[in-house]
């Protein structure tokens, strides 16, 4: 299907759009930016603007492609009003597939946001953060520069994340600390109560391995997380 772009939206040079995207009023998208299919981008969103980095050159106007590393956004994302996704300074800023970026959330330069991530309203990611697939960050969470939130993790609203949050854990506070495993997230992905119980020690760093059959999605995420370094 054709893209539906509101007449007040501004699509700059170097922007590549897939099919069946909805782009709302007064949204501005600046290249180099590549966006997949079936995304909803609400009013007043800003995508691909220059990185907010004190050492980066800042353009004097919006015409033409900017000098940064750009933005890549996948498919079937819901990007709500006043969301800001800045282009990369060193590497491309990336948002995966099937994410929900709620109103006024901010994805700074060089961030990588995986698939199925939820950034609730006013979540703020500083530069170079990595939010792994399936993570859910609560209302108003702030994530410090170069910090990772693991796959399937749940971060409570109003938290300040200053260090890595592990896979399928739940964390909250200022600063955020881990307070157990995200059992609901595991169960929604098909884990039994027994599997969750046997995974708990591993996810909390109390064991080096786990001996339980897991759904393919969970097993793949944990394998990728373990191999990240």
N, C-alpha and C. Protein backbone atom coordinates (compact mmCIF):
# COMPACT_ATOMS: atom_id res chain seq x y z
N UNK A 1 0.83 -1.20 0.00
CA UNK A 1 0.00 0.00 0.00
C UNK A 1 0.87 1.25 0.00
N UNK A 2 0.30 2.32 -0.50
CA UNK A 2 1.03 3.58 -0.57
C UNK A 2 1.19 4.18 0.82
N UNK A 3 2.24 4.98 0.96
CA UNK A 3 2.42 5.72 2.20
C UNK A 3 1.38 6.84 2.30
N UNK A 4 0.96 7.12 3.51
CA UNK A 4 0.02 8.21 3.76
C UNK A 4 0.74 9.28 4.57
N UNK A 5 1.08 10.37 3.93
CA UNK A 5 1.91 11.41 4.52
C UNK A 5 1.08 12.69 4.61
N UNK A 6 0.94 13.21 5.82
CA UNK A 6 0.17 14.44 6.00
C UNK A 6 0.84 15.59 5.25
N UNK A 7 0.07 16.47 4.64
CA UNK A 7 0.68 17.54 3.84
C UNK A 7 1.57 18.50 4.61
N UNK A 8 1.43 18.55 5.93
CA UNK A 8 2.31 19.43 6.71
C UNK A 8 3.61 18.75 7.14
N UNK A 9 3.74 17.46 6.91
CA UNK A 9 4.99 16.77 7.26
C UNK A 9 6.09 17.20 6.30
N UNK A 10 7.32 17.18 6.80
CA UNK A 10 8.48 17.56 6.00
C UNK A 10 9.38 16.34 5.86
N UNK A 11 9.57 15.90 4.62
CA UNK A 11 10.44 14.75 4.33
C UNK A 11 11.65 15.28 3.58
N UNK A 12 12.81 15.25 4.21
CA UNK A 12 13.99 15.86 3.64
C UNK A 12 14.69 14.98 2.61
N UNK A 13 15.78 15.48 2.09
CA UNK A 13 16.60 14.72 1.14
C UNK A 13 17.22 13.51 1.83
N UNK A 14 17.39 12.45 1.07
CA UNK A 14 18.06 11.26 1.59
C UNK A 14 17.21 10.40 2.49
N UNK A 15 15.88 10.58 2.45
CA UNK A 15 14.97 9.75 3.24
C UNK A 15 14.39 8.67 2.34
N UNK A 16 14.52 7.41 2.75
CA UNK A 16 13.97 6.28 2.01
C UNK A 16 12.83 5.67 2.82
N UNK A 17 11.65 5.62 2.22
CA UNK A 17 10.47 5.08 2.88
C UNK A 17 10.04 3.79 2.19
N UNK A 18 9.65 2.79 3.01
CA UNK A 18 9.06 1.59 2.47
C UNK A 18 7.61 1.85 2.09
N UNK A 19 6.75 0.86 2.33
CA UNK A 19 5.34 0.97 1.96
C UNK A 19 4.45 1.01 3.19
N UNK A 20 3.25 1.56 3.00
CA UNK A 20 2.18 1.51 4.00
C UNK A 20 2.56 2.19 5.31
N UNK A 21 3.34 3.24 5.23
CA UNK A 21 3.67 4.03 6.41
C UNK A 21 2.68 5.19 6.56
N UNK A 22 2.36 5.53 7.80
CA UNK A 22 1.54 6.69 8.11
C UNK A 22 2.43 7.72 8.80
N UNK A 23 2.49 8.92 8.25
CA UNK A 23 3.34 9.98 8.81
C UNK A 23 2.44 11.17 9.11
N UNK A 24 2.39 11.55 10.39
CA UNK A 24 1.42 12.52 10.86
C UNK A 24 1.81 13.97 10.65
N UNK A 25 0.92 14.87 11.06
CA UNK A 25 1.13 16.31 10.87
C UNK A 25 2.39 16.82 11.55
N UNK A 26 3.09 17.70 10.83
CA UNK A 26 4.23 18.45 11.35
C UNK A 26 5.41 17.57 11.77
N UNK A 27 5.42 16.35 11.33
CA UNK A 27 6.59 15.50 11.56
C UNK A 27 7.70 15.92 10.59
N UNK A 28 8.94 15.85 11.05
CA UNK A 28 10.10 16.18 10.23
C UNK A 28 11.03 14.97 10.21
N UNK A 29 11.37 14.52 9.00
CA UNK A 29 12.30 13.40 8.83
C UNK A 29 13.43 13.87 7.93
N UNK A 30 14.65 13.77 8.42
CA UNK A 30 15.83 14.27 7.73
C UNK A 30 16.72 13.10 7.37
N UNK A 31 17.33 13.13 6.18
CA UNK A 31 18.23 12.07 5.76
C UNK A 31 19.66 12.30 6.22
N UNK A 32 20.47 11.25 6.16
CA UNK A 32 20.13 9.92 5.64
C UNK A 32 19.31 9.11 6.64
N UNK A 33 18.12 8.71 6.24
CA UNK A 33 17.23 7.90 7.07
C UNK A 33 16.54 6.87 6.19
N UNK A 34 16.48 5.64 6.69
CA UNK A 34 15.77 4.57 5.98
C UNK A 34 14.71 3.99 6.91
N UNK A 35 13.48 3.94 6.44
CA UNK A 35 12.34 3.48 7.24
C UNK A 35 11.64 2.36 6.48
N UNK A 36 11.29 1.29 7.18
CA UNK A 36 10.70 0.11 6.56
C UNK A 36 9.22 0.28 6.24
N UNK A 37 8.44 -0.77 6.48
CA UNK A 37 7.04 -0.81 6.07
C UNK A 37 6.10 -0.79 7.27
N UNK A 38 4.91 -0.25 7.05
CA UNK A 38 3.83 -0.37 8.02
C UNK A 38 4.05 0.33 9.34
N UNK A 39 4.83 1.39 9.34
CA UNK A 39 5.06 2.16 10.56
C UNK A 39 4.00 3.25 10.72
N UNK A 40 3.65 3.53 11.96
CA UNK A 40 2.84 4.70 12.29
C UNK A 40 3.76 5.71 12.97
N UNK A 41 3.87 6.89 12.39
CA UNK A 41 4.69 7.95 12.95
C UNK A 41 3.77 9.13 13.22
N UNK A 42 3.57 9.44 14.48
CA UNK A 42 2.58 10.41 14.89
C UNK A 42 3.00 11.85 14.65
N UNK A 43 2.14 12.80 15.02
CA UNK A 43 2.41 14.21 14.78
C UNK A 43 3.60 14.73 15.58
N UNK A 44 4.31 15.66 14.95
CA UNK A 44 5.41 16.39 15.58
C UNK A 44 6.59 15.49 15.95
N UNK A 45 6.71 14.32 15.36
CA UNK A 45 7.91 13.51 15.58
C UNK A 45 9.08 14.12 14.82
N UNK A 46 10.29 13.87 15.33
CA UNK A 46 11.51 14.34 14.68
C UNK A 46 12.45 13.15 14.52
N UNK A 47 12.77 12.82 13.29
CA UNK A 47 13.60 11.65 13.00
C UNK A 47 14.75 12.07 12.10
N UNK A 48 15.98 11.73 12.50
CA UNK A 48 17.13 11.99 11.66
C UNK A 48 17.77 13.34 11.85
N UNK A 49 17.32 14.10 12.83
CA UNK A 49 17.97 15.38 13.10
C UNK A 49 19.40 15.19 13.57
N UNK A 50 20.22 16.21 13.49
CA UNK A 50 21.62 16.07 13.88
C UNK A 50 21.77 15.64 15.33
N UNK A 51 22.82 14.87 15.58
CA UNK A 51 23.05 14.37 16.93
C UNK A 51 23.30 15.52 17.89
N UNK A 52 22.80 15.36 19.11
CA UNK A 52 23.04 16.35 20.15
C UNK A 52 24.33 15.98 20.87
N UNK A 53 25.43 16.30 20.22
CA UNK A 53 26.76 15.91 20.67
C UNK A 53 27.63 17.15 20.59
N UNK A 54 28.25 17.53 21.70
CA UNK A 54 28.97 18.80 21.72
C UNK A 54 30.15 18.83 20.76
N UNK A 55 30.68 17.65 20.39
CA UNK A 55 31.83 17.62 19.48
C UNK A 55 31.42 17.48 18.03
N UNK A 56 30.13 17.31 17.75
CA UNK A 56 29.68 17.09 16.38
C UNK A 56 29.42 18.42 15.69
N UNK A 57 29.76 18.52 14.40
CA UNK A 57 29.40 19.74 13.67
C UNK A 57 27.89 19.86 13.58
N UNK A 58 27.40 21.07 13.67
CA UNK A 58 25.95 21.29 13.63
C UNK A 58 25.59 22.07 12.38
N UNK A 59 24.66 21.55 11.58
CA UNK A 59 24.30 22.26 10.34
C UNK A 59 23.60 23.58 10.65
N UNK A 60 23.68 24.49 9.68
CA UNK A 60 23.02 25.78 9.83
C UNK A 60 21.60 25.77 9.29
N UNK A 61 21.24 24.71 8.58
CA UNK A 61 19.90 24.60 8.01
C UNK A 61 19.51 23.15 7.89
N UNK A 62 18.27 22.89 7.47
CA UNK A 62 17.81 21.51 7.39
C UNK A 62 17.87 20.96 5.97
N UNK A 63 18.14 21.81 4.97
CA UNK A 63 18.14 21.35 3.59
C UNK A 63 19.27 20.36 3.35
N UNK A 64 19.00 19.35 2.53
CA UNK A 64 20.01 18.36 2.18
C UNK A 64 20.23 17.35 3.29
N UNK A 65 21.02 16.32 2.97
CA UNK A 65 21.36 15.32 3.98
C UNK A 65 22.33 15.93 4.98
N UNK A 66 22.20 15.51 6.23
CA UNK A 66 23.14 15.97 7.24
C UNK A 66 24.40 15.11 7.20
N UNK A 67 25.40 15.53 7.98
CA UNK A 67 26.72 14.92 7.87
C UNK A 67 26.93 13.72 8.77
N UNK A 68 25.92 13.29 9.51
CA UNK A 68 26.09 12.20 10.44
C UNK A 68 25.92 10.83 9.81
N UNK A 69 25.73 9.83 10.68
CA UNK A 69 25.66 8.44 10.24
C UNK A 69 24.23 7.95 10.02
N UNK A 70 23.26 8.80 10.20
CA UNK A 70 21.90 8.47 9.81
C UNK A 70 21.12 7.63 10.79
N UNK A 71 19.92 7.26 10.35
CA UNK A 71 18.96 6.48 11.14
C UNK A 71 18.40 5.37 10.28
N UNK A 72 18.25 4.18 10.87
CA UNK A 72 17.54 3.08 10.22
C UNK A 72 16.43 2.62 11.17
N UNK A 73 15.21 2.60 10.68
CA UNK A 73 14.04 2.16 11.44
C UNK A 73 13.39 1.02 10.67
N UNK A 74 13.04 -0.03 11.38
CA UNK A 74 12.47 -1.22 10.75
C UNK A 74 11.01 -1.05 10.39
N UNK A 75 10.23 -2.10 10.61
CA UNK A 75 8.83 -2.14 10.18
C UNK A 75 7.89 -2.34 11.37
N UNK A 76 6.66 -1.89 11.14
CA UNK A 76 5.54 -2.13 12.08
C UNK A 76 5.77 -1.48 13.45
N UNK A 77 6.47 -0.39 13.46
CA UNK A 77 6.68 0.35 14.70
C UNK A 77 5.58 1.39 14.90
N UNK A 78 5.29 1.68 16.16
CA UNK A 78 4.38 2.77 16.51
C UNK A 78 5.22 3.86 17.19
N UNK A 79 5.36 4.96 16.50
CA UNK A 79 6.20 6.06 16.96
C UNK A 79 5.27 7.24 17.18
N UNK A 80 5.05 7.59 18.42
CA UNK A 80 3.98 8.52 18.75
C UNK A 80 4.45 9.97 18.74
N UNK A 81 3.53 10.85 19.13
CA UNK A 81 3.74 12.28 19.00
C UNK A 81 4.95 12.76 19.81
N UNK A 82 5.69 13.66 19.18
CA UNK A 82 6.85 14.33 19.78
C UNK A 82 8.00 13.37 20.10
N UNK A 83 8.01 12.19 19.52
CA UNK A 83 9.18 11.32 19.66
C UNK A 83 10.34 11.91 18.87
N UNK A 84 11.55 11.78 19.41
CA UNK A 84 12.75 12.26 18.73
C UNK A 84 13.73 11.11 18.59
N UNK A 85 14.18 10.85 17.36
CA UNK A 85 15.22 9.86 17.08
C UNK A 85 16.34 10.59 16.36
N UNK A 86 17.47 10.78 17.03
CA UNK A 86 18.59 11.53 16.44
C UNK A 86 19.47 10.62 15.61
N UNK A 87 20.08 11.20 14.59
CA UNK A 87 20.96 10.39 13.77
C UNK A 87 22.28 10.10 14.48
N UNK A 88 22.97 9.09 14.00
CA UNK A 88 24.21 8.68 14.63
C UNK A 88 25.34 9.67 14.42
N UNK A 89 26.25 9.67 15.38
CA UNK A 89 27.46 10.48 15.29
C UNK A 89 28.64 9.62 14.87
N UNK A 90 28.76 8.42 15.45
CA UNK A 90 29.83 7.47 15.11
C UNK A 90 29.27 6.29 14.34
N UNK A 91 28.11 5.79 14.76
CA UNK A 91 27.44 4.68 14.09
C UNK A 91 25.98 5.05 13.85
N UNK A 92 25.33 4.30 12.98
CA UNK A 92 23.93 4.56 12.66
C UNK A 92 23.04 4.32 13.88
N UNK A 93 22.13 5.23 14.14
CA UNK A 93 21.10 5.01 15.14
C UNK A 93 20.07 4.04 14.57
N UNK A 94 19.69 3.02 15.36
CA UNK A 94 18.82 1.97 14.82
C UNK A 94 17.64 1.69 15.76
N UNK A 95 16.49 1.51 15.16
CA UNK A 95 15.29 1.02 15.84
C UNK A 95 14.81 -0.19 15.05
N UNK A 96 14.52 -1.29 15.74
CA UNK A 96 14.18 -2.54 15.07
C UNK A 96 12.75 -2.58 14.57
N UNK A 97 12.14 -3.75 14.64
CA UNK A 97 10.76 -3.96 14.22
C UNK A 97 9.84 -4.06 15.44
N UNK A 98 8.57 -3.72 15.23
CA UNK A 98 7.51 -3.98 16.21
C UNK A 98 7.74 -3.28 17.55
N UNK A 99 8.36 -2.13 17.52
CA UNK A 99 8.57 -1.36 18.75
C UNK A 99 7.42 -0.38 18.97
N UNK A 100 7.28 0.05 20.21
CA UNK A 100 6.31 1.09 20.55
C UNK A 100 7.07 2.19 21.28
N UNK A 101 7.27 3.31 20.60
CA UNK A 101 7.92 4.48 21.18
C UNK A 101 6.83 5.49 21.51
N UNK A 102 6.50 5.57 22.79
CA UNK A 102 5.37 6.42 23.20
C UNK A 102 5.77 7.89 23.23
N UNK A 103 4.76 8.74 23.42
CA UNK A 103 4.92 10.17 23.28
C UNK A 103 6.09 10.75 24.06
N UNK A 104 6.84 11.60 23.38
CA UNK A 104 7.95 12.37 23.94
C UNK A 104 9.14 11.52 24.38
N UNK A 105 9.19 10.28 23.95
CA UNK A 105 10.40 9.50 24.22
C UNK A 105 11.51 9.95 23.27
N UNK A 106 12.75 9.71 23.69
CA UNK A 106 13.91 10.23 22.96
C UNK A 106 14.95 9.13 22.79
N UNK A 107 15.36 8.91 21.54
CA UNK A 107 16.41 7.95 21.21
C UNK A 107 17.58 8.77 20.68
N UNK A 108 18.63 8.88 21.47
CA UNK A 108 19.75 9.75 21.11
C UNK A 108 20.68 9.09 20.09
N UNK A 109 21.68 9.85 19.69
CA UNK A 109 22.62 9.41 18.66
C UNK A 109 23.29 8.09 19.02
N UNK A 110 23.47 7.25 18.01
CA UNK A 110 24.23 6.00 18.12
C UNK A 110 23.55 4.94 18.98
N UNK A 111 22.30 5.14 19.34
CA UNK A 111 21.58 4.10 20.10
C UNK A 111 21.17 2.96 19.18
N UNK A 112 21.05 1.77 19.76
CA UNK A 112 20.50 0.61 19.06
C UNK A 112 19.33 0.09 19.89
N UNK A 113 18.15 0.13 19.32
CA UNK A 113 16.94 -0.36 19.97
C UNK A 113 16.49 -1.61 19.22
N UNK A 114 16.36 -2.72 19.93
CA UNK A 114 16.05 -3.99 19.29
C UNK A 114 14.60 -4.11 18.87
N UNK A 115 14.17 -5.34 18.61
CA UNK A 115 12.80 -5.60 18.18
C UNK A 115 11.86 -5.69 19.39
N UNK A 116 10.64 -5.24 19.19
CA UNK A 116 9.62 -5.41 20.22
C UNK A 116 9.88 -4.65 21.50
N UNK A 117 10.65 -3.59 21.43
CA UNK A 117 10.96 -2.78 22.61
C UNK A 117 9.82 -1.79 22.87
N UNK A 118 9.51 -1.57 24.13
CA UNK A 118 8.54 -0.54 24.52
C UNK A 118 9.28 0.55 25.29
N UNK A 119 9.25 1.76 24.75
CA UNK A 119 9.71 2.94 25.47
C UNK A 119 8.45 3.73 25.81
N UNK A 120 8.06 3.73 27.07
CA UNK A 120 6.84 4.45 27.42
C UNK A 120 7.09 5.96 27.44
N UNK A 121 6.05 6.71 27.71
CA UNK A 121 6.11 8.17 27.56
C UNK A 121 7.29 8.77 28.32
N UNK A 122 8.01 9.66 27.62
CA UNK A 122 9.08 10.47 28.20
C UNK A 122 10.32 9.68 28.60
N UNK A 123 10.47 8.45 28.13
CA UNK A 123 11.73 7.73 28.33
C UNK A 123 12.83 8.46 27.56
N UNK A 124 14.00 8.60 28.18
CA UNK A 124 15.11 9.33 27.59
C UNK A 124 16.34 8.42 27.52
N UNK A 125 16.77 8.12 26.30
CA UNK A 125 18.00 7.34 26.10
C UNK A 125 19.12 8.28 25.71
N UNK A 126 20.19 8.29 26.48
CA UNK A 126 21.37 9.07 26.11
C UNK A 126 22.13 8.35 25.00
N UNK A 127 23.17 8.99 24.49
CA UNK A 127 23.88 8.45 23.34
C UNK A 127 24.51 7.09 23.59
N UNK A 128 24.58 6.29 22.53
CA UNK A 128 25.28 5.00 22.52
C UNK A 128 24.64 3.94 23.41
N UNK A 129 23.39 4.10 23.80
CA UNK A 129 22.73 3.06 24.60
C UNK A 129 22.30 1.91 23.70
N UNK A 130 22.22 0.73 24.31
CA UNK A 130 21.65 -0.42 23.60
C UNK A 130 20.50 -0.98 24.42
N UNK A 131 19.33 -1.01 23.81
CA UNK A 131 18.14 -1.57 24.44
C UNK A 131 17.81 -2.84 23.67
N UNK A 132 17.98 -3.97 24.32
CA UNK A 132 17.84 -5.26 23.65
C UNK A 132 16.37 -5.60 23.42
N UNK A 133 16.15 -6.54 22.51
CA UNK A 133 14.80 -6.90 22.09
C UNK A 133 13.92 -7.29 23.27
N UNK A 134 12.68 -6.84 23.22
CA UNK A 134 11.70 -7.22 24.22
C UNK A 134 11.77 -6.48 25.53
N UNK A 135 12.70 -5.53 25.67
CA UNK A 135 12.78 -4.76 26.91
C UNK A 135 11.61 -3.77 26.99
N UNK A 136 11.23 -3.44 28.21
CA UNK A 136 10.12 -2.51 28.45
C UNK A 136 10.57 -1.50 29.49
N UNK A 137 10.63 -0.24 29.10
CA UNK A 137 11.11 0.82 29.99
C UNK A 137 9.93 1.69 30.41
N UNK A 138 9.73 1.80 31.73
CA UNK A 138 8.57 2.49 32.27
C UNK A 138 8.64 4.00 32.14
N UNK A 139 7.51 4.60 32.38
CA UNK A 139 7.28 6.03 32.22
C UNK A 139 8.41 6.87 32.82
N UNK A 140 9.02 7.72 31.99
CA UNK A 140 10.00 8.67 32.48
C UNK A 140 11.35 8.11 32.84
N UNK A 141 11.64 6.88 32.45
CA UNK A 141 12.95 6.29 32.73
C UNK A 141 14.04 7.04 31.97
N UNK A 142 15.19 7.22 32.61
CA UNK A 142 16.35 7.86 32.00
C UNK A 142 17.49 6.84 31.98
N UNK A 143 18.12 6.67 30.82
CA UNK A 143 19.21 5.70 30.67
C UNK A 143 20.49 6.46 30.35
N UNK A 144 21.51 6.25 31.20
CA UNK A 144 22.79 6.94 31.05
C UNK A 144 23.50 6.51 29.77
N UNK A 145 24.33 7.41 29.27
CA UNK A 145 25.10 7.16 28.05
C UNK A 145 25.87 5.84 28.13
N UNK A 146 25.87 5.11 27.01
CA UNK A 146 26.63 3.86 26.83
C UNK A 146 26.19 2.76 27.80
N UNK A 147 24.93 2.73 28.14
CA UNK A 147 24.40 1.72 29.05
C UNK A 147 23.50 0.77 28.28
N UNK A 148 23.49 -0.50 28.68
CA UNK A 148 22.66 -1.51 28.04
C UNK A 148 21.55 -1.98 28.96
N UNK A 149 20.39 -2.24 28.37
CA UNK A 149 19.28 -2.89 29.05
C UNK A 149 19.03 -4.20 28.32
N UNK A 150 19.10 -5.31 29.04
CA UNK A 150 19.08 -6.62 28.43
C UNK A 150 17.74 -7.03 27.85
N UNK A 151 17.74 -8.10 27.05
CA UNK A 151 16.50 -8.56 26.42
C UNK A 151 15.46 -8.96 27.46
N UNK A 152 14.23 -8.56 27.21
CA UNK A 152 13.14 -8.95 28.10
C UNK A 152 13.15 -8.30 29.46
N UNK A 153 14.04 -7.34 29.68
CA UNK A 153 14.09 -6.68 30.99
C UNK A 153 12.92 -5.71 31.15
N UNK A 154 12.52 -5.52 32.38
CA UNK A 154 11.47 -4.56 32.72
C UNK A 154 12.06 -3.53 33.68
N UNK A 155 11.98 -2.26 33.29
CA UNK A 155 12.50 -1.17 34.12
C UNK A 155 11.33 -0.33 34.60
N UNK A 156 11.21 -0.16 35.91
CA UNK A 156 10.08 0.55 36.49
C UNK A 156 10.11 2.04 36.20
N UNK A 157 8.95 2.65 36.24
CA UNK A 157 8.82 4.06 35.88
C UNK A 157 9.64 4.95 36.81
N UNK A 158 10.17 6.02 36.21
CA UNK A 158 10.93 7.00 36.97
C UNK A 158 12.32 6.56 37.36
N UNK A 159 12.79 5.46 36.81
CA UNK A 159 14.12 4.95 37.17
C UNK A 159 15.22 5.72 36.45
N UNK A 160 16.40 5.70 37.05
CA UNK A 160 17.61 6.25 36.43
C UNK A 160 18.59 5.10 36.28
N UNK A 161 18.80 4.67 35.04
CA UNK A 161 19.63 3.50 34.76
C UNK A 161 21.06 3.98 34.51
N UNK A 162 21.97 3.62 35.41
CA UNK A 162 23.36 4.06 35.30
C UNK A 162 24.32 2.91 35.06
N UNK A 163 23.82 1.67 35.09
CA UNK A 163 24.66 0.53 34.79
C UNK A 163 23.80 -0.56 34.15
N UNK A 164 24.46 -1.54 33.58
CA UNK A 164 23.77 -2.57 32.79
C UNK A 164 22.67 -3.27 33.58
N UNK A 165 21.54 -3.47 32.90
CA UNK A 165 20.42 -4.24 33.46
C UNK A 165 20.37 -5.57 32.72
N UNK A 166 20.39 -6.67 33.47
CA UNK A 166 20.50 -7.99 32.86
C UNK A 166 19.25 -8.46 32.16
N UNK A 167 19.42 -9.52 31.38
CA UNK A 167 18.33 -10.11 30.61
C UNK A 167 17.21 -10.61 31.52
N UNK A 168 15.99 -10.31 31.15
CA UNK A 168 14.78 -10.80 31.83
C UNK A 168 14.80 -10.54 33.34
N UNK A 169 15.41 -9.43 33.72
CA UNK A 169 15.32 -9.01 35.11
C UNK A 169 14.35 -7.83 35.21
N UNK A 170 13.96 -7.51 36.43
CA UNK A 170 13.17 -6.30 36.65
C UNK A 170 13.96 -5.39 37.57
N UNK A 171 14.01 -4.13 37.20
CA UNK A 171 14.82 -3.17 37.93
C UNK A 171 14.04 -1.88 38.10
N UNK A 172 14.33 -1.18 39.17
CA UNK A 172 13.71 0.11 39.39
C UNK A 172 14.50 0.86 40.45
N UNK A 173 14.26 2.17 40.51
CA UNK A 173 14.89 2.99 41.52
C UNK A 173 15.82 4.04 40.95
N UNK A 174 16.35 4.88 41.85
CA UNK A 174 17.29 5.93 41.49
C UNK A 174 18.49 5.82 42.41
N UNK A 175 19.58 5.23 41.95
CA UNK A 175 19.74 4.60 40.64
C UNK A 175 19.02 3.25 40.59
N UNK A 176 18.76 2.77 39.38
CA UNK A 176 18.03 1.51 39.21
C UNK A 176 18.86 0.34 39.70
N UNK A 177 18.21 -0.56 40.41
CA UNK A 177 18.82 -1.80 40.87
C UNK A 177 17.90 -2.97 40.52
N UNK A 178 18.48 -4.13 40.33
CA UNK A 178 17.70 -5.31 39.99
C UNK A 178 16.99 -5.82 41.24
N UNK A 179 15.70 -6.13 41.07
CA UNK A 179 14.88 -6.63 42.18
C UNK A 179 14.17 -7.91 41.78
N UNK A 180 14.87 -8.82 41.13
CA UNK A 180 14.27 -10.09 40.75
C UNK A 180 14.19 -10.26 39.25
N UNK A 181 13.51 -11.32 38.83
CA UNK A 181 13.39 -11.63 37.40
C UNK A 181 12.03 -11.18 36.89
N UNK A 182 11.98 -10.96 35.59
CA UNK A 182 10.74 -10.57 34.93
C UNK A 182 9.95 -11.84 34.59
N UNK A 183 9.35 -12.42 35.60
CA UNK A 183 8.65 -13.69 35.41
C UNK A 183 7.47 -13.55 34.45
N UNK A 184 6.79 -12.41 34.50
CA UNK A 184 5.65 -12.20 33.60
C UNK A 184 6.13 -12.19 32.15
N UNK A 185 7.23 -11.49 31.88
CA UNK A 185 7.77 -11.47 30.53
C UNK A 185 8.18 -12.84 30.04
N UNK A 186 8.77 -13.64 30.91
CA UNK A 186 9.15 -15.00 30.54
C UNK A 186 7.92 -15.86 30.27
N UNK A 187 6.92 -15.75 31.12
CA UNK A 187 5.70 -16.54 30.93
C UNK A 187 4.98 -16.15 29.65
N UNK A 188 4.97 -14.88 29.32
CA UNK A 188 4.34 -14.44 28.07
C UNK A 188 5.05 -14.99 26.85
N UNK A 189 6.31 -15.33 27.00
CA UNK A 189 7.06 -15.93 25.90
C UNK A 189 7.06 -17.45 25.96
N UNK A 190 6.20 -18.01 26.77
CA UNK A 190 5.99 -19.45 26.76
C UNK A 190 6.73 -20.25 27.79
N UNK A 191 7.42 -19.59 28.73
CA UNK A 191 8.13 -20.33 29.78
C UNK A 191 7.15 -20.82 30.85
N UNK A 192 7.34 -22.03 31.29
CA UNK A 192 6.54 -22.58 32.38
C UNK A 192 7.01 -22.02 33.72
N UNK A 193 6.19 -22.21 34.75
CA UNK A 193 6.60 -21.78 36.09
C UNK A 193 7.88 -22.49 36.52
N UNK A 194 8.00 -23.76 36.15
CA UNK A 194 9.22 -24.51 36.50
C UNK A 194 10.43 -23.91 35.81
N UNK A 195 10.28 -23.57 34.53
CA UNK A 195 11.40 -22.99 33.79
C UNK A 195 11.82 -21.66 34.40
N UNK A 196 10.84 -20.83 34.77
CA UNK A 196 11.16 -19.55 35.40
C UNK A 196 11.92 -19.76 36.70
N UNK A 197 11.47 -20.71 37.51
CA UNK A 197 12.13 -20.98 38.78
C UNK A 197 13.57 -21.44 38.57
N UNK A 198 13.79 -22.27 37.56
CA UNK A 198 15.14 -22.79 37.33
C UNK A 198 16.04 -21.78 36.65
N UNK A 199 15.44 -20.80 35.98
CA UNK A 199 16.23 -19.74 35.34
C UNK A 199 16.65 -18.66 36.32
N UNK A 200 15.95 -18.53 37.42
CA UNK A 200 16.12 -17.36 38.29
C UNK A 200 17.56 -17.17 38.74
N UNK A 201 18.19 -18.22 39.24
CA UNK A 201 19.56 -18.10 39.71
C UNK A 201 20.51 -17.66 38.61
N UNK A 202 20.32 -18.19 37.41
CA UNK A 202 21.17 -17.81 36.27
C UNK A 202 20.98 -16.34 35.93
N UNK A 203 19.74 -15.89 35.84
CA UNK A 203 19.47 -14.51 35.45
C UNK A 203 19.95 -13.51 36.49
N UNK A 204 20.00 -13.92 37.74
CA UNK A 204 20.46 -13.02 38.80
C UNK A 204 21.95 -13.14 39.07
N UNK A 205 22.66 -13.90 38.24
CA UNK A 205 24.11 -14.02 38.37
C UNK A 205 24.57 -14.94 39.46
N UNK A 206 23.67 -15.78 39.96
CA UNK A 206 24.02 -16.71 41.04
C UNK A 206 24.49 -18.06 40.51
N UNK A 207 24.26 -18.32 39.24
CA UNK A 207 24.69 -19.55 38.60
C UNK A 207 25.29 -19.22 37.25
N UNK A 208 26.20 -20.08 36.76
CA UNK A 208 26.85 -19.84 35.48
C UNK A 208 26.08 -20.42 34.31
N UNK A 209 25.12 -21.29 34.57
CA UNK A 209 24.37 -21.89 33.47
C UNK A 209 22.98 -22.27 33.96
N UNK A 210 22.18 -22.80 33.05
CA UNK A 210 20.84 -23.27 33.41
C UNK A 210 20.60 -24.59 32.68
N UNK A 211 19.78 -25.42 33.25
CA UNK A 211 19.50 -26.73 32.68
C UNK A 211 18.00 -26.90 32.58
N UNK A 212 17.44 -26.28 31.55
CA UNK A 212 15.99 -26.33 31.36
C UNK A 212 15.69 -26.04 29.89
N UNK A 213 14.70 -26.70 29.36
CA UNK A 213 14.27 -26.43 27.99
C UNK A 213 13.49 -25.12 27.95
N UNK A 214 13.83 -24.28 26.97
CA UNK A 214 13.21 -22.97 26.85
C UNK A 214 12.59 -22.79 25.47
N UNK A 215 11.58 -21.95 25.35
CA UNK A 215 11.08 -21.59 24.02
C UNK A 215 12.21 -21.02 23.17
N UNK A 216 12.13 -21.24 21.87
CA UNK A 216 13.22 -20.85 20.98
C UNK A 216 13.56 -19.37 21.10
N UNK A 217 12.54 -18.52 21.21
CA UNK A 217 12.79 -17.08 21.29
C UNK A 217 13.62 -16.73 22.52
N UNK A 218 13.24 -17.28 23.67
CA UNK A 218 13.95 -16.99 24.91
C UNK A 218 15.37 -17.53 24.85
N UNK A 219 15.52 -18.76 24.36
CA UNK A 219 16.85 -19.36 24.27
C UNK A 219 17.76 -18.53 23.37
N UNK A 220 17.24 -18.05 22.24
CA UNK A 220 18.05 -17.26 21.32
C UNK A 220 18.47 -15.93 21.95
N UNK A 221 17.55 -15.29 22.66
CA UNK A 221 17.89 -14.03 23.31
C UNK A 221 18.95 -14.21 24.39
N UNK A 222 18.81 -15.26 25.19
CA UNK A 222 19.80 -15.51 26.25
C UNK A 222 21.16 -15.88 25.66
N UNK A 223 21.15 -16.62 24.56
CA UNK A 223 22.42 -16.97 23.92
C UNK A 223 23.12 -15.72 23.39
N UNK A 224 22.36 -14.84 22.75
CA UNK A 224 22.95 -13.60 22.23
C UNK A 224 23.45 -12.71 23.36
N UNK A 225 22.69 -12.65 24.44
CA UNK A 225 23.10 -11.83 25.59
C UNK A 225 24.38 -12.37 26.20
N UNK A 226 24.50 -13.69 26.34
CA UNK A 226 25.70 -14.29 26.92
C UNK A 226 26.92 -14.05 26.05
N UNK A 227 26.72 -13.93 24.74
CA UNK A 227 27.84 -13.78 23.80
C UNK A 227 28.16 -12.32 23.49
N UNK A 228 27.55 -11.39 24.21
CA UNK A 228 27.67 -9.98 23.84
C UNK A 228 29.08 -9.44 23.98
N UNK A 229 29.91 -10.05 24.84
CA UNK A 229 31.27 -9.54 25.02
C UNK A 229 32.27 -10.50 24.42
